[in-house]
N, C-alpha and C. Protein backbone atom coordinates (compact mmCIF):
# COMPACT_ATOMS: atom_id res chain seq x y z
N MET A 1 45.58 -169.68 -106.72
CA MET A 1 45.12 -169.44 -105.36
C MET A 1 46.08 -170.11 -104.39
N ASN A 2 46.32 -169.47 -103.30
CA ASN A 2 47.15 -170.02 -102.25
C ASN A 2 46.38 -169.89 -100.94
N PHE A 3 46.00 -171.01 -100.36
CA PHE A 3 45.22 -170.98 -99.13
C PHE A 3 45.46 -172.26 -98.35
N ARG A 4 45.08 -172.21 -97.07
CA ARG A 4 45.20 -173.38 -96.19
C ARG A 4 43.79 -173.84 -95.82
N PHE A 5 43.60 -175.15 -95.79
CA PHE A 5 42.28 -175.66 -95.47
C PHE A 5 42.36 -176.90 -94.58
N ALA A 6 41.24 -177.19 -93.95
CA ALA A 6 41.09 -178.39 -93.14
C ALA A 6 39.80 -179.08 -93.54
N VAL A 7 39.76 -180.40 -93.35
CA VAL A 7 38.57 -181.19 -93.65
C VAL A 7 38.07 -181.79 -92.34
N ILE A 8 36.80 -181.50 -92.02
CA ILE A 8 36.18 -182.06 -90.81
C ILE A 8 34.97 -182.86 -91.27
N ASP A 9 35.15 -184.16 -91.36
CA ASP A 9 34.13 -185.03 -91.94
C ASP A 9 34.44 -186.46 -91.55
N ASP A 10 33.43 -187.21 -91.15
CA ASP A 10 33.65 -188.60 -90.78
C ASP A 10 33.50 -189.57 -91.95
N ALA A 11 33.19 -189.07 -93.13
CA ALA A 11 32.99 -189.92 -94.30
C ALA A 11 34.22 -189.91 -95.21
N PRO A 12 34.55 -191.05 -95.78
CA PRO A 12 35.70 -191.10 -96.70
C PRO A 12 35.53 -190.22 -97.93
N TYR A 13 34.31 -189.86 -98.27
CA TYR A 13 34.07 -189.03 -99.46
C TYR A 13 34.74 -187.66 -99.34
N SER A 14 35.04 -187.25 -98.12
CA SER A 14 35.69 -185.95 -97.91
C SER A 14 37.05 -185.88 -98.59
N ARG A 15 37.66 -187.03 -98.87
CA ARG A 15 38.95 -187.04 -99.55
C ARG A 15 38.84 -186.38 -100.92
N ALA A 16 37.68 -186.47 -101.53
CA ALA A 16 37.49 -185.83 -102.85
C ALA A 16 37.63 -184.32 -102.73
N ALA A 17 37.05 -183.73 -101.71
CA ALA A 17 37.18 -182.28 -101.50
C ALA A 17 38.63 -181.92 -101.26
N GLN A 18 39.34 -182.75 -100.52
CA GLN A 18 40.75 -182.49 -100.24
C GLN A 18 41.56 -182.50 -101.53
N GLN A 19 41.34 -183.46 -102.38
CA GLN A 19 42.06 -183.53 -103.66
C GLN A 19 41.77 -182.31 -104.53
N ILE A 20 40.50 -181.95 -104.63
CA ILE A 20 40.11 -180.82 -105.47
C ILE A 20 40.70 -179.52 -104.94
N ALA A 21 40.63 -179.31 -103.64
CA ALA A 21 41.16 -178.08 -103.05
C ALA A 21 42.68 -178.02 -103.21
N THR A 22 43.34 -179.13 -103.11
CA THR A 22 44.79 -179.17 -103.32
C THR A 22 45.12 -178.81 -104.76
N GLN A 23 44.37 -179.35 -105.70
CA GLN A 23 44.58 -179.03 -107.12
C GLN A 23 44.33 -177.54 -107.40
N ALA A 24 43.47 -176.91 -106.58
CA ALA A 24 43.16 -175.49 -106.76
C ALA A 24 44.21 -174.58 -106.09
N GLY A 25 45.24 -175.17 -105.49
CA GLY A 25 46.30 -174.39 -104.88
C GLY A 25 46.29 -174.38 -103.37
N GLY A 26 45.44 -175.18 -102.77
CA GLY A 26 45.35 -175.22 -101.31
C GLY A 26 46.33 -176.19 -100.69
N THR A 27 46.60 -175.96 -99.41
CA THR A 27 47.42 -176.85 -98.61
C THR A 27 46.57 -177.35 -97.46
N CYS A 28 46.44 -178.66 -97.35
CA CYS A 28 45.64 -179.25 -96.28
C CYS A 28 46.45 -179.26 -94.99
N VAL A 29 45.92 -178.64 -93.94
CA VAL A 29 46.62 -178.60 -92.66
C VAL A 29 46.19 -179.76 -91.77
N GLY A 30 45.17 -180.51 -92.19
CA GLY A 30 44.76 -181.68 -91.43
C GLY A 30 43.33 -182.08 -91.67
N GLU A 31 43.01 -183.27 -91.15
CA GLU A 31 41.67 -183.83 -91.25
C GLU A 31 41.22 -184.27 -89.86
N ALA A 32 39.92 -184.21 -89.62
CA ALA A 32 39.34 -184.69 -88.37
C ALA A 32 38.04 -185.41 -88.70
N GLU A 33 37.78 -186.48 -87.97
CA GLU A 33 36.57 -187.27 -88.19
C GLU A 33 35.48 -186.98 -87.18
N THR A 34 35.77 -186.12 -86.20
CA THR A 34 34.78 -185.74 -85.19
C THR A 34 34.76 -184.22 -85.04
N GLY A 35 33.68 -183.73 -84.49
CA GLY A 35 33.57 -182.30 -84.26
C GLY A 35 34.61 -181.79 -83.29
N ALA A 36 34.84 -182.52 -82.20
CA ALA A 36 35.82 -182.09 -81.21
C ALA A 36 37.22 -182.07 -81.82
N GLY A 37 37.54 -183.09 -82.61
CA GLY A 37 38.83 -183.13 -83.29
C GLY A 37 38.95 -181.98 -84.29
N GLY A 38 37.85 -181.64 -84.93
CA GLY A 38 37.84 -180.54 -85.89
C GLY A 38 38.10 -179.20 -85.23
N LEU A 39 37.49 -178.99 -84.07
CA LEU A 39 37.73 -177.73 -83.34
C LEU A 39 39.20 -177.61 -82.93
N GLU A 40 39.77 -178.72 -82.48
CA GLU A 40 41.18 -178.71 -82.09
C GLU A 40 42.07 -178.40 -83.30
N LEU A 41 41.72 -178.98 -84.43
CA LEU A 41 42.46 -178.74 -85.67
C LEU A 41 42.42 -177.26 -86.05
N VAL A 42 41.24 -176.66 -85.97
CA VAL A 42 41.10 -175.24 -86.30
C VAL A 42 41.89 -174.39 -85.31
N ARG A 43 41.79 -174.68 -84.02
CA ARG A 43 42.54 -173.93 -83.01
C ARG A 43 44.05 -174.00 -83.27
N ARG A 44 44.50 -175.18 -83.63
CA ARG A 44 45.94 -175.41 -83.78
C ARG A 44 46.52 -174.76 -85.05
N PHE A 45 45.78 -174.83 -86.16
CA PHE A 45 46.33 -174.39 -87.44
C PHE A 45 45.65 -173.17 -88.06
N LEU A 46 44.50 -172.78 -87.57
CA LEU A 46 43.71 -171.67 -88.11
C LEU A 46 43.78 -171.58 -89.63
N PRO A 47 43.11 -172.52 -90.30
CA PRO A 47 43.09 -172.51 -91.77
C PRO A 47 42.25 -171.35 -92.30
N ASP A 48 42.36 -171.11 -93.59
CA ASP A 48 41.54 -170.09 -94.25
C ASP A 48 40.13 -170.61 -94.51
N VAL A 49 40.03 -171.91 -94.77
CA VAL A 49 38.77 -172.54 -95.16
C VAL A 49 38.66 -173.89 -94.45
N ILE A 50 37.43 -174.23 -94.04
CA ILE A 50 37.20 -175.61 -93.61
C ILE A 50 36.07 -176.20 -94.44
N PHE A 51 36.25 -177.46 -94.78
CA PHE A 51 35.20 -178.26 -95.41
C PHE A 51 34.58 -179.04 -94.27
N LEU A 52 33.28 -178.88 -94.07
CA LEU A 52 32.63 -179.38 -92.86
C LEU A 52 31.36 -180.16 -93.16
N ASP A 53 31.30 -181.37 -92.63
CA ASP A 53 30.08 -182.15 -92.68
C ASP A 53 29.18 -181.69 -91.54
N LEU A 54 27.88 -181.82 -91.70
CA LEU A 54 26.96 -181.41 -90.62
C LEU A 54 26.65 -182.54 -89.65
N VAL A 55 26.70 -183.78 -90.11
CA VAL A 55 26.34 -184.92 -89.27
C VAL A 55 27.61 -185.72 -88.96
N MET A 56 28.04 -185.64 -87.70
CA MET A 56 29.23 -186.35 -87.25
C MET A 56 29.03 -186.82 -85.82
N PRO A 57 29.85 -187.76 -85.37
CA PRO A 57 29.76 -188.19 -83.97
C PRO A 57 30.14 -187.05 -83.03
N GLY A 58 29.48 -186.99 -81.90
CA GLY A 58 29.80 -185.94 -80.91
C GLY A 58 29.23 -184.61 -81.34
N LYS A 59 30.06 -183.60 -81.42
CA LYS A 59 29.62 -182.27 -81.84
C LYS A 59 29.18 -182.30 -83.29
N SER A 60 28.05 -181.69 -83.56
CA SER A 60 27.55 -181.63 -84.94
C SER A 60 28.26 -180.52 -85.70
N GLY A 61 28.07 -180.51 -87.00
CA GLY A 61 28.61 -179.44 -87.82
C GLY A 61 28.08 -178.08 -87.39
N LEU A 62 26.80 -178.02 -87.00
CA LEU A 62 26.23 -176.75 -86.56
C LEU A 62 26.92 -176.25 -85.29
N ASP A 63 27.28 -177.18 -84.39
CA ASP A 63 28.04 -176.80 -83.20
C ASP A 63 29.40 -176.21 -83.59
N ILE A 64 30.05 -176.85 -84.55
CA ILE A 64 31.36 -176.39 -85.01
C ILE A 64 31.25 -174.99 -85.61
N ILE A 65 30.22 -174.79 -86.44
CA ILE A 65 30.01 -173.48 -87.06
C ILE A 65 29.87 -172.41 -85.99
N THR A 66 29.01 -172.66 -85.02
CA THR A 66 28.76 -171.69 -83.95
C THR A 66 30.04 -171.35 -83.21
N GLU A 67 30.78 -172.37 -82.81
CA GLU A 67 31.99 -172.13 -82.01
C GLU A 67 33.09 -171.45 -82.82
N THR A 68 33.29 -171.87 -84.06
CA THR A 68 34.37 -171.27 -84.84
C THR A 68 34.05 -169.84 -85.25
N LYS A 69 32.83 -169.57 -85.67
CA LYS A 69 32.47 -168.22 -86.11
C LYS A 69 32.49 -167.22 -84.95
N LEU A 70 32.24 -167.70 -83.73
CA LEU A 70 32.29 -166.84 -82.56
C LEU A 70 33.71 -166.35 -82.31
N ILE A 71 34.68 -167.25 -82.47
CA ILE A 71 36.08 -166.91 -82.20
C ILE A 71 36.78 -166.36 -83.44
N TRP A 72 36.49 -166.95 -84.61
CA TRP A 72 37.15 -166.57 -85.85
C TRP A 72 36.10 -166.25 -86.91
N PRO A 73 35.46 -165.10 -86.85
CA PRO A 73 34.37 -164.79 -87.79
C PRO A 73 34.82 -164.74 -89.25
N GLU A 74 36.10 -164.54 -89.50
CA GLU A 74 36.59 -164.46 -90.87
C GLU A 74 36.83 -165.83 -91.50
N LEU A 75 36.79 -166.89 -90.69
CA LEU A 75 37.00 -168.24 -91.19
C LEU A 75 35.91 -168.60 -92.20
N LYS A 76 36.30 -169.10 -93.35
CA LYS A 76 35.35 -169.49 -94.39
C LYS A 76 34.97 -170.96 -94.20
N ILE A 77 33.68 -171.24 -94.27
CA ILE A 77 33.19 -172.60 -94.05
C ILE A 77 32.39 -173.05 -95.26
N ILE A 78 32.81 -174.18 -95.82
CA ILE A 78 32.07 -174.82 -96.90
C ILE A 78 31.48 -176.09 -96.31
N SER A 79 30.17 -176.13 -96.20
CA SER A 79 29.50 -177.32 -95.71
C SER A 79 29.31 -178.29 -96.86
N CYS A 80 29.74 -179.53 -96.65
CA CYS A 80 29.57 -180.61 -97.62
C CYS A 80 28.78 -181.69 -96.91
N SER A 81 27.51 -181.81 -97.25
CA SER A 81 26.63 -182.69 -96.49
C SER A 81 25.68 -183.44 -97.41
N THR A 82 25.20 -184.58 -96.92
CA THR A 82 24.17 -185.32 -97.65
C THR A 82 22.79 -184.73 -97.39
N LEU A 83 22.67 -183.88 -96.38
CA LEU A 83 21.39 -183.25 -96.05
C LEU A 83 21.11 -182.15 -97.06
N ASP A 84 20.02 -182.30 -97.80
CA ASP A 84 19.74 -181.30 -98.84
C ASP A 84 18.36 -180.68 -98.73
N ASP A 85 17.76 -180.75 -97.53
CA ASP A 85 16.44 -180.12 -97.39
C ASP A 85 16.61 -178.63 -97.11
N PRO A 86 15.70 -177.82 -97.61
CA PRO A 86 15.81 -176.36 -97.49
C PRO A 86 15.94 -175.87 -96.04
N LYS A 87 15.26 -176.52 -95.11
CA LYS A 87 15.33 -176.09 -93.71
C LYS A 87 16.76 -176.22 -93.17
N THR A 88 17.42 -177.33 -93.47
CA THR A 88 18.78 -177.55 -93.00
C THR A 88 19.74 -176.56 -93.65
N ILE A 89 19.58 -176.32 -94.93
CA ILE A 89 20.45 -175.38 -95.64
C ILE A 89 20.28 -173.97 -95.08
N THR A 90 19.05 -173.56 -94.84
CA THR A 90 18.79 -172.24 -94.26
C THR A 90 19.38 -172.14 -92.87
N GLN A 91 19.22 -173.19 -92.08
CA GLN A 91 19.76 -173.20 -90.72
C GLN A 91 21.29 -173.09 -90.76
N ALA A 92 21.92 -173.83 -91.64
CA ALA A 92 23.38 -173.78 -91.74
C ALA A 92 23.85 -172.39 -92.14
N ARG A 93 23.15 -171.77 -93.07
CA ARG A 93 23.52 -170.41 -93.50
C ARG A 93 23.32 -169.41 -92.35
N THR A 94 22.26 -169.60 -91.58
CA THR A 94 22.00 -168.73 -90.43
C THR A 94 23.12 -168.85 -89.40
N TYR A 95 23.63 -170.06 -89.23
CA TYR A 95 24.73 -170.29 -88.28
C TYR A 95 26.05 -169.72 -88.78
N GLY A 96 26.18 -169.51 -90.10
CA GLY A 96 27.40 -168.90 -90.61
C GLY A 96 28.12 -169.63 -91.72
N VAL A 97 27.51 -170.66 -92.29
CA VAL A 97 28.13 -171.36 -93.43
C VAL A 97 28.21 -170.39 -94.61
N ASP A 98 29.37 -170.36 -95.24
CA ASP A 98 29.57 -169.46 -96.38
C ASP A 98 29.10 -170.09 -97.69
N GLU A 99 29.29 -171.39 -97.83
CA GLU A 99 28.86 -172.13 -99.02
C GLU A 99 28.29 -173.47 -98.56
N TYR A 100 27.23 -173.92 -99.22
CA TYR A 100 26.60 -175.19 -98.86
C TYR A 100 26.55 -176.07 -100.10
N LEU A 101 27.23 -177.21 -100.05
CA LEU A 101 27.24 -178.15 -101.16
C LEU A 101 26.69 -179.49 -100.67
N THR A 102 25.87 -180.11 -101.50
CA THR A 102 25.37 -181.42 -101.14
C THR A 102 26.23 -182.50 -101.79
N LYS A 103 26.42 -183.58 -101.04
CA LYS A 103 27.16 -184.74 -101.56
C LYS A 103 26.22 -185.56 -102.43
N PRO A 104 26.68 -186.10 -103.51
CA PRO A 104 28.03 -185.97 -104.03
C PRO A 104 28.19 -184.64 -104.76
N PHE A 105 29.27 -183.95 -104.50
CA PHE A 105 29.55 -182.68 -105.16
C PHE A 105 30.49 -182.94 -106.32
N THR A 106 30.63 -181.93 -107.17
CA THR A 106 31.52 -182.05 -108.33
C THR A 106 32.76 -181.20 -108.12
N GLN A 107 33.75 -181.45 -108.92
CA GLN A 107 34.96 -180.64 -108.88
C GLN A 107 34.62 -179.18 -109.18
N ALA A 108 33.74 -178.97 -110.15
CA ALA A 108 33.36 -177.61 -110.52
C ALA A 108 32.68 -176.88 -109.35
N GLN A 109 31.86 -177.59 -108.58
CA GLN A 109 31.19 -176.95 -107.44
C GLN A 109 32.20 -176.53 -106.37
N ILE A 110 33.16 -177.39 -106.07
CA ILE A 110 34.18 -177.06 -105.07
C ILE A 110 35.03 -175.89 -105.55
N THR A 111 35.49 -175.96 -106.79
CA THR A 111 36.32 -174.91 -107.35
C THR A 111 35.59 -173.57 -107.37
N SER A 112 34.33 -173.60 -107.77
CA SER A 112 33.53 -172.38 -107.83
C SER A 112 33.34 -171.79 -106.43
N ALA A 113 33.05 -172.63 -105.45
CA ALA A 113 32.88 -172.15 -104.06
C ALA A 113 34.17 -171.52 -103.56
N LEU A 114 35.31 -172.16 -103.83
CA LEU A 114 36.59 -171.60 -103.40
C LEU A 114 36.87 -170.27 -104.08
N ASN A 115 36.57 -170.18 -105.35
CA ASN A 115 36.77 -168.92 -106.09
C ASN A 115 35.92 -167.79 -105.50
N ARG A 116 34.68 -168.09 -105.15
CA ARG A 116 33.80 -167.06 -104.56
C ARG A 116 34.32 -166.62 -103.19
N LEU A 117 34.77 -167.57 -102.40
CA LEU A 117 35.19 -167.25 -101.04
C LEU A 117 36.56 -166.60 -100.94
N LEU A 118 37.44 -166.95 -101.85
CA LEU A 118 38.83 -166.51 -101.73
C LEU A 118 39.25 -165.46 -102.73
N LYS A 119 38.31 -164.95 -103.51
CA LYS A 119 38.69 -163.92 -104.49
C LYS A 119 39.14 -162.67 -103.74
N PRO A 120 40.15 -162.01 -104.27
CA PRO A 120 40.67 -160.81 -103.61
C PRO A 120 39.61 -159.72 -103.52
N ALA A 121 39.61 -159.01 -102.41
CA ALA A 121 38.68 -157.87 -102.24
C ALA A 121 39.14 -156.73 -103.14
N ARG A 122 38.19 -156.02 -103.69
CA ARG A 122 38.53 -154.89 -104.57
C ARG A 122 38.09 -153.60 -103.95
């Protein structure tokens, strides 16, 4: 797989997603610890995939989803969050999250999500 990704997360655990995605053939175009920084990162580099936390200072992950999907509907979003209640997961999917993983996630979960999102169209 060859793809570009960004990590928008204020927690150090996001480094694990970055390592796994890099091992899967991805190139990290940058990291942001705030929602506003994440939006700027997406605007500047337009990655194929973003790994996004839902709870961050300033703009929330849901705000980021809304704004990015409005401008770039093809952008793939993998939410990586500690929030694992059904209401939050449903809300994130309604906003446009393509994959929802709860922390701590595994390498297999990240790899599987990337494979589903980036497989060639037939």
